[in-house]
Structures are given as structure tokens and as C-alpha cells.
Amino acid sequence: MHELAITVIGPDRPGIVADVSEALAAVGANLTDSTMTRLRGHFTMTLICTGPASAEAEAALGSLKDVVTQVRSVSPESYGVKDGEPWVVSVHGADRLGIVAAVTRVVAAAGGNITDLSTRLAGTLYVLVAEVDLPPAAGDELAQQLAVAAAELGVDVTLRQAEPEIL
């Protein structure tokens, strides 16, 4: 069985998720992990599937109109902060160049692994929310470093411990 990473990008429209998932199911690709969103009128989807070889998945998705797809074989998950603790970083402030770069560099320097990140521009307000796995006891130091970055950027940054998800 193959593990595949697949990306799909195209203009948003009703039925696009159904079209993609049906095409993959038809060739035996099981969606195991996915994220989908609309970005300023564009649909984007990233997913991990198990099932057929990448050529079969590519052929199935090739029949879809108005989307660009990429399929590649990947190895099972191998990286992550071992015994990491889940945290959430939130940033709010006036839009300016370099917010994501500065905040994510501070997180990386603390040994944090960003597991999910979203940004949104609403008028002149820029919002960033990131889920982060941190090494044990790294939260206090990261909070201090984020405060320094926030002052330099002129934004508000908060760091809070996340509740573990129950599936």
C-alpha cells in the first residue's frame, strides 16, 4: 500500500470536495488526513491518502476540470517533537511585511514544531493562529521571546497551552 501526499488548487465552487474525494475513492485511495480551505475565492486542499500508486491517483484527478493537482509518494510520518506539549500562538495587529516569518522563527528557535497555521487579513487587521508542539517546559521562555518579537512588530501575541484533542 502506498502513502500519497496530494494537493489540489482551483477556483472555489460547490461540489469540488465531492469531486476530488469521489475521484480518489474510485481508485481505492483512502483519505487519512486532510485540510481544506477557501483562500480569497480559491479552493485549496492538502491530503494524505493510502492506496494506489501515485500514477493511478494522478490519472483519477486528471479528469477533474479547473483544478491543478500534484501527487507524490511520501514516507509515513517520522518527525515531530517527542513528548511535545500542545500550545497555541495567536497574533493580532496591523498588517505588515514579515509577521509570519518573525513569529515562526521565534517558535523554531525554541524547538517548536508548527503543526497547523492559518492567517487572515480582515481590512487592515492581520490575524495569525498557530498550533505548536513544544518541548516540555519551553512555554515560559517562548512567551518571553514572542513578547520581544511582538514589540518589534507592533502586534499583540498570546501563547496558551492547548487542550489535548479527544477524537
N, C-alpha and C. Protein backbone atom coordinates (compact mmCIF):
# COMPACT_ATOMS: atom_id res chain seq x y z
N MET A 1 0.85 -1.17 0.00
CA MET A 1 0.00 0.00 0.00
C MET A 1 0.90 1.24 0.00
N HIS A 2 0.52 2.22 -0.78
CA HIS A 2 1.30 3.44 -0.92
C HIS A 2 0.70 4.55 -0.06
N GLU A 3 1.55 5.45 0.42
CA GLU A 3 1.08 6.64 1.10
C GLU A 3 1.39 7.82 0.19
N LEU A 4 0.38 8.64 -0.07
CA LEU A 4 0.50 9.74 -1.02
C LEU A 4 0.17 11.07 -0.37
N ALA A 5 0.93 12.11 -0.76
CA ALA A 5 0.60 13.49 -0.40
C ALA A 5 0.02 14.12 -1.66
N ILE A 6 -1.13 14.73 -1.53
CA ILE A 6 -1.84 15.29 -2.68
C ILE A 6 -2.23 16.72 -2.38
N THR A 7 -2.02 17.61 -3.35
CA THR A 7 -2.52 18.97 -3.24
C THR A 7 -3.47 19.25 -4.40
N VAL A 8 -4.50 20.03 -4.13
CA VAL A 8 -5.49 20.41 -5.13
C VAL A 8 -5.75 21.90 -4.96
N ILE A 9 -5.65 22.65 -6.05
CA ILE A 9 -5.90 24.09 -6.01
C ILE A 9 -6.74 24.46 -7.22
N GLY A 10 -7.74 25.32 -6.99
CA GLY A 10 -8.57 25.78 -8.10
C GLY A 10 -9.60 26.78 -7.62
N PRO A 11 -10.35 27.34 -8.56
CA PRO A 11 -11.40 28.27 -8.15
C PRO A 11 -12.45 27.54 -7.31
N ASP A 12 -12.90 28.17 -6.24
CA ASP A 12 -13.88 27.54 -5.37
C ASP A 12 -15.21 27.43 -6.09
N ARG A 13 -15.90 26.33 -5.83
CA ARG A 13 -17.23 26.10 -6.39
C ARG A 13 -17.92 25.00 -5.60
N PRO A 14 -19.24 24.96 -5.59
CA PRO A 14 -19.93 23.86 -4.92
C PRO A 14 -19.57 22.52 -5.56
N GLY A 15 -19.35 21.52 -4.73
CA GLY A 15 -19.08 20.18 -5.23
C GLY A 15 -17.63 19.82 -5.43
N ILE A 16 -16.71 20.76 -5.23
CA ILE A 16 -15.30 20.47 -5.50
C ILE A 16 -14.75 19.41 -4.55
N VAL A 17 -15.14 19.44 -3.28
CA VAL A 17 -14.68 18.42 -2.33
C VAL A 17 -15.24 17.06 -2.72
N ALA A 18 -16.50 17.01 -3.10
CA ALA A 18 -17.11 15.75 -3.53
C ALA A 18 -16.40 15.21 -4.77
N ASP A 19 -16.11 16.07 -5.73
CA ASP A 19 -15.44 15.63 -6.95
C ASP A 19 -14.07 15.01 -6.66
N VAL A 20 -13.29 15.70 -5.84
CA VAL A 20 -11.94 15.21 -5.51
C VAL A 20 -12.03 13.90 -4.74
N SER A 21 -12.86 13.85 -3.70
CA SER A 21 -12.93 12.65 -2.87
C SER A 21 -13.51 11.46 -3.63
N GLU A 22 -14.46 11.70 -4.51
CA GLU A 22 -15.02 10.61 -5.33
C GLU A 22 -13.98 10.07 -6.31
N ALA A 23 -13.22 10.96 -6.93
CA ALA A 23 -12.18 10.52 -7.88
C ALA A 23 -11.15 9.65 -7.17
N LEU A 24 -10.77 10.04 -5.97
CA LEU A 24 -9.78 9.26 -5.23
C LEU A 24 -10.37 7.94 -4.73
N ALA A 25 -11.60 7.96 -4.24
CA ALA A 25 -12.24 6.72 -3.78
C ALA A 25 -12.39 5.72 -4.92
N ALA A 26 -12.64 6.21 -6.12
CA ALA A 26 -12.83 5.32 -7.27
C ALA A 26 -11.59 4.49 -7.58
N VAL A 27 -10.41 4.98 -7.20
CA VAL A 27 -9.18 4.21 -7.44
C VAL A 27 -8.65 3.59 -6.14
N GLY A 28 -9.47 3.61 -5.09
CA GLY A 28 -9.10 2.96 -3.84
C GLY A 28 -8.21 3.77 -2.93
N ALA A 29 -8.18 5.09 -3.10
CA ALA A 29 -7.38 5.95 -2.22
C ALA A 29 -8.21 6.33 -1.00
N ASN A 30 -7.72 5.97 0.18
CA ASN A 30 -8.40 6.27 1.43
C ASN A 30 -7.81 7.54 2.04
N LEU A 31 -8.65 8.57 2.23
CA LEU A 31 -8.20 9.83 2.83
C LEU A 31 -7.96 9.60 4.32
N THR A 32 -6.71 9.78 4.76
CA THR A 32 -6.40 9.56 6.16
C THR A 32 -6.16 10.85 6.93
N ASP A 33 -5.77 11.91 6.24
CA ASP A 33 -5.51 13.19 6.89
C ASP A 33 -5.72 14.26 5.82
N SER A 34 -6.44 15.32 6.17
CA SER A 34 -6.66 16.35 5.15
C SER A 34 -6.95 17.70 5.80
N THR A 35 -6.72 18.72 5.02
CA THR A 35 -7.12 20.06 5.39
C THR A 35 -7.60 20.74 4.12
N MET A 36 -8.68 21.47 4.24
CA MET A 36 -9.27 22.14 3.09
C MET A 36 -9.71 23.52 3.52
N THR A 37 -9.55 24.48 2.63
CA THR A 37 -10.00 25.83 2.96
C THR A 37 -10.21 26.63 1.69
N ARG A 38 -10.82 27.78 1.85
CA ARG A 38 -11.00 28.72 0.75
C ARG A 38 -10.17 29.95 1.07
N LEU A 39 -9.33 30.32 0.14
CA LEU A 39 -8.46 31.48 0.29
C LEU A 39 -8.79 32.50 -0.79
N ARG A 40 -9.47 33.54 -0.40
CA ARG A 40 -9.86 34.62 -1.31
C ARG A 40 -10.43 34.09 -2.63
N GLY A 41 -11.38 33.17 -2.49
CA GLY A 41 -12.09 32.62 -3.65
C GLY A 41 -11.43 31.43 -4.31
N HIS A 42 -10.28 31.02 -3.79
CA HIS A 42 -9.58 29.85 -4.33
C HIS A 42 -9.69 28.71 -3.34
N PHE A 43 -10.06 27.54 -3.83
CA PHE A 43 -10.13 26.34 -3.01
C PHE A 43 -8.74 25.72 -2.95
N THR A 44 -8.34 25.27 -1.78
CA THR A 44 -7.08 24.56 -1.64
C THR A 44 -7.27 23.39 -0.69
N MET A 45 -6.67 22.28 -1.06
CA MET A 45 -6.81 21.05 -0.30
C MET A 45 -5.45 20.36 -0.26
N THR A 46 -5.07 19.90 0.90
CA THR A 46 -3.87 19.09 1.05
C THR A 46 -4.30 17.86 1.81
N LEU A 47 -3.91 16.69 1.32
CA LEU A 47 -4.33 15.48 1.99
C LEU A 47 -3.29 14.38 1.88
N ILE A 48 -3.41 13.45 2.80
CA ILE A 48 -2.62 12.23 2.78
C ILE A 48 -3.60 11.09 2.54
N CYS A 49 -3.25 10.23 1.60
CA CYS A 49 -4.08 9.06 1.28
C CYS A 49 -3.23 7.81 1.33
N THR A 50 -3.88 6.70 1.58
CA THR A 50 -3.24 5.40 1.40
C THR A 50 -3.99 4.68 0.30
N GLY A 51 -3.26 3.90 -0.47
CA GLY A 51 -3.93 3.16 -1.53
C GLY A 51 -3.06 2.94 -2.74
N PRO A 52 -3.53 3.42 -3.88
CA PRO A 52 -2.88 3.09 -5.15
C PRO A 52 -1.54 3.81 -5.33
N ALA A 53 -0.83 3.42 -6.36
CA ALA A 53 0.40 4.11 -6.73
C ALA A 53 0.06 5.53 -7.17
N SER A 54 1.04 6.41 -7.11
CA SER A 54 0.80 7.82 -7.42
C SER A 54 0.28 8.01 -8.84
N ALA A 55 0.70 7.20 -9.79
CA ALA A 55 0.23 7.35 -11.18
C ALA A 55 -1.27 7.14 -11.28
N GLU A 56 -1.81 6.19 -10.53
CA GLU A 56 -3.26 5.95 -10.56
C GLU A 56 -4.03 7.13 -9.98
N ALA A 57 -3.54 7.67 -8.87
CA ALA A 57 -4.20 8.82 -8.26
C ALA A 57 -4.11 10.03 -9.18
N GLU A 58 -2.95 10.24 -9.80
CA GLU A 58 -2.80 11.35 -10.75
C GLU A 58 -3.78 11.22 -11.90
N ALA A 59 -3.93 10.02 -12.43
CA ALA A 59 -4.86 9.80 -13.55
C ALA A 59 -6.30 10.09 -13.12
N ALA A 60 -6.67 9.65 -11.92
CA ALA A 60 -8.03 9.89 -11.44
C ALA A 60 -8.30 11.38 -11.28
N LEU A 61 -7.34 12.11 -10.73
CA LEU A 61 -7.53 13.54 -10.53
C LEU A 61 -7.40 14.32 -11.84
N GLY A 62 -6.72 13.75 -12.82
CA GLY A 62 -6.55 14.42 -14.11
C GLY A 62 -7.85 14.65 -14.84
N SER A 63 -8.87 13.89 -14.50
CA SER A 63 -10.17 14.07 -15.17
C SER A 63 -10.94 15.27 -14.62
N LEU A 64 -10.49 15.85 -13.52
CA LEU A 64 -11.19 16.99 -12.94
C LEU A 64 -10.87 18.26 -13.72
N LYS A 65 -11.87 19.05 -13.94
CA LYS A 65 -11.70 20.31 -14.67
C LYS A 65 -11.36 21.43 -13.70
N ASP A 66 -10.67 22.41 -14.15
CA ASP A 66 -10.38 23.68 -13.48
C ASP A 66 -9.59 23.59 -12.17
N VAL A 67 -8.90 22.48 -11.92
CA VAL A 67 -8.05 22.39 -10.75
C VAL A 67 -6.64 21.96 -11.15
N VAL A 68 -5.69 22.35 -10.34
CA VAL A 68 -4.30 21.91 -10.51
C VAL A 68 -4.01 20.96 -9.37
N THR A 69 -3.47 19.79 -9.70
CA THR A 69 -3.19 18.80 -8.67
C THR A 69 -1.73 18.37 -8.72
N GLN A 70 -1.25 17.91 -7.58
CA GLN A 70 0.08 17.32 -7.51
C GLN A 70 -0.01 16.12 -6.58
N VAL A 71 0.59 15.03 -6.99
CA VAL A 71 0.58 13.79 -6.21
C VAL A 71 2.01 13.32 -6.07
N ARG A 72 2.40 12.96 -4.85
CA ARG A 72 3.73 12.37 -4.67
C ARG A 72 3.69 11.35 -3.56
N SER A 73 4.53 10.34 -3.69
CA SER A 73 4.66 9.32 -2.66
C SER A 73 5.42 9.91 -1.48
N VAL A 74 5.01 9.54 -0.28
CA VAL A 74 5.68 10.00 0.94
C VAL A 74 5.89 8.82 1.87
N SER A 75 6.79 9.00 2.81
CA SER A 75 7.02 8.01 3.85
C SER A 75 6.09 8.32 5.01
N PRO A 76 5.79 7.32 5.80
CA PRO A 76 4.97 7.59 6.99
C PRO A 76 5.64 8.65 7.86
N GLU A 77 4.81 9.34 8.65
CA GLU A 77 5.29 10.43 9.50
C GLU A 77 6.50 9.99 10.31
N SER A 78 7.54 10.82 10.27
CA SER A 78 8.75 10.44 11.00
C SER A 78 9.28 11.55 11.90
N TYR A 79 8.82 12.80 11.72
CA TYR A 79 9.35 13.89 12.52
C TYR A 79 8.27 14.44 13.43
N GLY A 80 8.69 14.91 14.53
CA GLY A 80 7.79 15.56 15.47
C GLY A 80 8.52 15.74 16.78
N VAL A 81 8.09 16.69 17.56
CA VAL A 81 8.70 16.89 18.86
C VAL A 81 8.25 15.73 19.74
N LYS A 82 9.17 14.91 20.18
CA LYS A 82 8.83 13.77 21.02
C LYS A 82 8.42 14.29 22.39
N ASP A 83 7.34 13.74 22.90
CA ASP A 83 6.82 14.17 24.20
C ASP A 83 6.53 15.67 24.21
N GLY A 84 6.18 16.22 23.05
CA GLY A 84 5.88 17.65 22.97
C GLY A 84 4.56 17.99 23.65
N GLU A 85 4.45 19.25 24.00
CA GLU A 85 3.24 19.76 24.63
C GLU A 85 2.54 20.68 23.63
N PRO A 86 1.22 20.56 23.49
CA PRO A 86 0.49 21.39 22.53
C PRO A 86 0.23 22.80 23.07
N TRP A 87 0.56 23.81 22.25
CA TRP A 87 0.35 25.22 22.58
C TRP A 87 -0.29 25.91 21.39
N VAL A 88 -0.88 27.07 21.64
CA VAL A 88 -1.47 27.89 20.58
C VAL A 88 -0.86 29.28 20.65
N VAL A 89 -0.38 29.76 19.51
CA VAL A 89 0.15 31.12 19.37
C VAL A 89 -0.87 31.91 18.57
N SER A 90 -1.27 33.08 19.08
CA SER A 90 -2.19 33.97 18.37
C SER A 90 -1.54 35.33 18.20
N VAL A 91 -1.68 35.88 17.01
CA VAL A 91 -1.13 37.21 16.71
C VAL A 91 -2.25 38.06 16.13
N HIS A 92 -2.39 39.28 16.61
CA HIS A 92 -3.36 40.25 16.09
C HIS A 92 -2.66 41.59 15.97
N GLY A 93 -2.83 42.24 14.84
CA GLY A 93 -2.24 43.56 14.68
C GLY A 93 -2.38 44.08 13.28
N ALA A 94 -1.85 45.27 13.08
CA ALA A 94 -1.89 45.87 11.75
C ALA A 94 -1.05 45.03 10.80
N ASP A 95 -1.55 44.89 9.58
CA ASP A 95 -0.84 44.10 8.57
C ASP A 95 0.49 44.77 8.24
N ARG A 96 1.53 43.95 8.19
CA ARG A 96 2.84 44.43 7.76
C ARG A 96 3.67 43.25 7.32
N LEU A 97 4.63 43.53 6.51
CA LEU A 97 5.52 42.51 5.97
C LEU A 97 6.34 41.85 7.08
N GLY A 98 6.43 40.51 7.05
CA GLY A 98 7.33 39.78 7.93
C GLY A 98 6.76 39.23 9.21
N ILE A 99 5.46 39.38 9.45
CA ILE A 99 4.88 38.87 10.70
C ILE A 99 5.06 37.36 10.80
N VAL A 100 4.65 36.64 9.77
CA VAL A 100 4.74 35.18 9.81
C VAL A 100 6.19 34.73 9.95
N ALA A 101 7.07 35.35 9.20
CA ALA A 101 8.49 34.98 9.26
C ALA A 101 9.06 35.18 10.65
N ALA A 102 8.78 36.30 11.26
CA ALA A 102 9.35 36.61 12.58
C ALA A 102 8.80 35.68 13.66
N VAL A 103 7.49 35.49 13.68
CA VAL A 103 6.88 34.66 14.72
C VAL A 103 7.29 33.20 14.56
N THR A 104 7.28 32.69 13.36
CA THR A 104 7.65 31.28 13.17
C THR A 104 9.13 31.03 13.43
N ARG A 105 9.98 32.03 13.20
CA ARG A 105 11.41 31.88 13.51
C ARG A 105 11.61 31.78 15.02
N VAL A 106 10.87 32.57 15.79
CA VAL A 106 10.97 32.51 17.25
C VAL A 106 10.51 31.13 17.74
N VAL A 107 9.42 30.63 17.19
CA VAL A 107 8.93 29.30 17.58
C VAL A 107 9.97 28.23 17.24
N ALA A 108 10.55 28.29 16.05
CA ALA A 108 11.56 27.31 15.65
C ALA A 108 12.79 27.37 16.56
N ALA A 109 13.21 28.57 16.93
CA ALA A 109 14.37 28.73 17.80
C ALA A 109 14.14 28.11 19.18
N ALA A 110 12.87 28.03 19.59
CA ALA A 110 12.53 27.43 20.88
C ALA A 110 12.37 25.91 20.77
N GLY A 111 12.60 25.37 19.57
CA GLY A 111 12.44 23.93 19.37
C GLY A 111 11.03 23.52 19.07
N GLY A 112 10.17 24.50 18.76
CA GLY A 112 8.77 24.22 18.49
C GLY A 112 8.54 23.74 17.07
N ASN A 113 7.56 22.87 16.92
CA ASN A 113 7.15 22.37 15.62
C ASN A 113 5.74 22.86 15.35
N ILE A 114 5.56 23.66 14.31
CA ILE A 114 4.24 24.19 13.97
C ILE A 114 3.47 23.07 13.27
N THR A 115 2.33 22.70 13.86
CA THR A 115 1.53 21.61 13.31
C THR A 115 0.32 22.11 12.52
N ASP A 116 -0.06 23.36 12.72
CA ASP A 116 -1.14 23.97 11.96
C ASP A 116 -0.99 25.48 12.05
N LEU A 117 -1.22 26.17 10.96
CA LEU A 117 -1.10 27.63 10.96
C LEU A 117 -2.10 28.20 9.98
N SER A 118 -2.80 29.23 10.40
CA SER A 118 -3.68 29.94 9.48
C SER A 118 -3.53 31.43 9.70
N THR A 119 -3.70 32.17 8.63
CA THR A 119 -3.66 33.62 8.69
C THR A 119 -4.87 34.18 7.97
N ARG A 120 -5.24 35.38 8.34
CA ARG A 120 -6.38 36.03 7.70
C ARG A 120 -6.15 37.52 7.75
N LEU A 121 -6.38 38.18 6.64
CA LEU A 121 -6.35 39.63 6.57
C LEU A 121 -7.78 40.12 6.49
N ALA A 122 -8.20 40.89 7.50
CA ALA A 122 -9.55 41.45 7.55
C ALA A 122 -9.40 42.96 7.58
N GLY A 123 -9.50 43.57 6.41
CA GLY A 123 -9.24 45.01 6.32
C GLY A 123 -7.77 45.25 6.55
N THR A 124 -7.45 45.99 7.61
CA THR A 124 -6.04 46.23 7.94
C THR A 124 -5.58 45.35 9.10
N LEU A 125 -6.49 44.55 9.67
CA LEU A 125 -6.15 43.67 10.79
C LEU A 125 -5.62 42.34 10.27
N TYR A 126 -4.45 41.97 10.76
CA TYR A 126 -3.84 40.70 10.39
C TYR A 126 -3.95 39.76 11.59
N VAL A 127 -4.42 38.53 11.34
CA VAL A 127 -4.59 37.54 12.40
C VAL A 127 -3.83 36.27 12.00
N LEU A 128 -3.05 35.76 12.93
CA LEU A 128 -2.32 34.51 12.75
C LEU A 128 -2.64 33.62 13.94
N VAL A 129 -2.98 32.37 13.68
CA VAL A 129 -3.20 31.39 14.74
C VAL A 129 -2.40 30.15 14.37
N ALA A 130 -1.53 29.71 15.28
CA ALA A 130 -0.70 28.54 15.02
C ALA A 130 -0.80 27.56 16.18
N GLU A 131 -0.95 26.29 15.83
CA GLU A 131 -0.84 25.22 16.81
C GLU A 131 0.61 24.76 16.78
N VAL A 132 1.19 24.61 17.96
CA VAL A 132 2.63 24.35 18.08
C VAL A 132 2.86 23.24 19.09
N ASP A 133 3.75 22.31 18.76
CA ASP A 133 4.22 21.34 19.74
C ASP A 133 5.55 21.84 20.26
N LEU A 134 5.64 22.00 21.57
CA LEU A 134 6.87 22.49 22.21
C LEU A 134 7.51 21.42 23.08
N PRO A 135 8.83 21.48 23.20
CA PRO A 135 9.48 20.59 24.16
C PRO A 135 8.95 20.90 25.56
N PRO A 136 8.97 19.90 26.45
CA PRO A 136 8.50 20.15 27.81
C PRO A 136 9.20 21.36 28.46
N ALA A 137 8.43 22.16 29.15
CA ALA A 137 8.92 23.32 29.91
C ALA A 137 9.46 24.45 29.04
N ALA A 138 9.16 24.46 27.75
CA ALA A 138 9.67 25.53 26.88
C ALA A 138 8.70 26.71 26.76
N GLY A 139 7.50 26.59 27.31
CA GLY A 139 6.48 27.62 27.15
C GLY A 139 6.84 28.98 27.70
N ASP A 140 7.38 29.02 28.90
CA ASP A 140 7.70 30.32 29.52
C ASP A 140 8.75 31.08 28.73
N GLU A 141 9.79 30.39 28.31
CA GLU A 141 10.85 31.04 27.52
C GLU A 141 10.31 31.51 26.17
N LEU A 142 9.49 30.69 25.53
CA LEU A 142 8.90 31.09 24.25
C LEU A 142 8.02 32.32 24.44
N ALA A 143 7.24 32.37 25.50
CA ALA A 143 6.38 33.52 25.75
C ALA A 143 7.21 34.80 25.85
N GLN A 144 8.34 34.73 26.51
CA GLN A 144 9.22 35.90 26.62
C GLN A 144 9.77 36.32 25.26
N GLN A 145 10.20 35.36 24.48
CA GLN A 145 10.76 35.67 23.15
C GLN A 145 9.68 36.19 22.20
N LEU A 146 8.47 35.66 22.31
CA LEU A 146 7.37 36.16 21.49
C LEU A 146 7.01 37.59 21.87
N ALA A 147 7.10 37.93 23.15
CA ALA A 147 6.82 39.30 23.60
C ALA A 147 7.81 40.27 22.97
N VAL A 148 9.07 39.88 22.89
CA VAL A 148 10.09 40.73 22.25
C VAL A 148 9.75 40.91 20.77
N ALA A 149 9.43 39.82 20.08
CA ALA A 149 9.08 39.90 18.66
C ALA A 149 7.83 40.75 18.45
N ALA A 150 6.84 40.60 19.33
CA ALA A 150 5.60 41.36 19.21
C ALA A 150 5.87 42.85 19.32
N ALA A 151 6.72 43.23 20.27
CA ALA A 151 7.06 44.65 20.43
C ALA A 151 7.74 45.20 19.18
N GLU A 152 8.64 44.42 18.61
CA GLU A 152 9.33 44.86 17.39
C GLU A 152 8.38 44.98 16.20
N LEU A 153 7.38 44.08 16.14
CA LEU A 153 6.42 44.07 15.03
C LEU A 153 5.25 45.03 15.25
N GLY A 154 5.02 45.46 16.49
CA GLY A 154 3.87 46.30 16.79
C GLY A 154 2.56 45.53 16.75
N VAL A 155 2.58 44.27 17.21
CA VAL A 155 1.38 43.43 17.22
C VAL A 155 1.20 42.85 18.62
N ASP A 156 0.03 42.27 18.86
CA ASP A 156 -0.24 41.56 20.10
C ASP A 156 -0.04 40.07 19.86
N VAL A 157 0.70 39.41 20.74
CA VAL A 157 0.93 37.97 20.64
C VAL A 157 0.55 37.33 21.96
N THR A 158 -0.20 36.23 21.86
CA THR A 158 -0.52 35.45 23.05
C THR A 158 -0.08 34.01 22.83
N LEU A 159 0.32 33.37 23.91
CA LEU A 159 0.69 31.96 23.89
C LEU A 159 -0.07 31.29 25.01
N ARG A 160 -0.78 30.24 24.69
CA ARG A 160 -1.52 29.50 25.72
C ARG A 160 -1.38 28.01 25.47
N GLN A 161 -1.41 27.27 26.55
CA GLN A 161 -1.35 25.82 26.42
C GLN A 161 -2.68 25.34 25.86
N ALA A 162 -2.61 24.43 24.90
CA ALA A 162 -3.82 23.90 24.25
C ALA A 162 -4.34 22.70 25.02
N GLU A 163 -5.63 22.51 24.92
CA GLU A 163 -6.24 21.32 25.49
C GLU A 163 -6.01 20.17 24.52
N PRO A 164 -5.62 19.02 25.02
CA PRO A 164 -5.45 17.86 24.13
C PRO A 164 -6.79 17.54 23.46
N GLU A 165 -6.71 17.20 22.19
CA GLU A 165 -7.92 16.86 21.44
C GLU A 165 -8.36 15.45 21.77
N ILE A 166 -9.66 15.29 21.87
CA ILE A 166 -10.23 13.96 22.08
C ILE A 166 -10.98 13.61 20.80
N LEU A 167 -10.54 12.56 20.17
CA LEU A 167 -11.18 12.16 18.91
C LEU A 167 -12.17 11.07 19.13
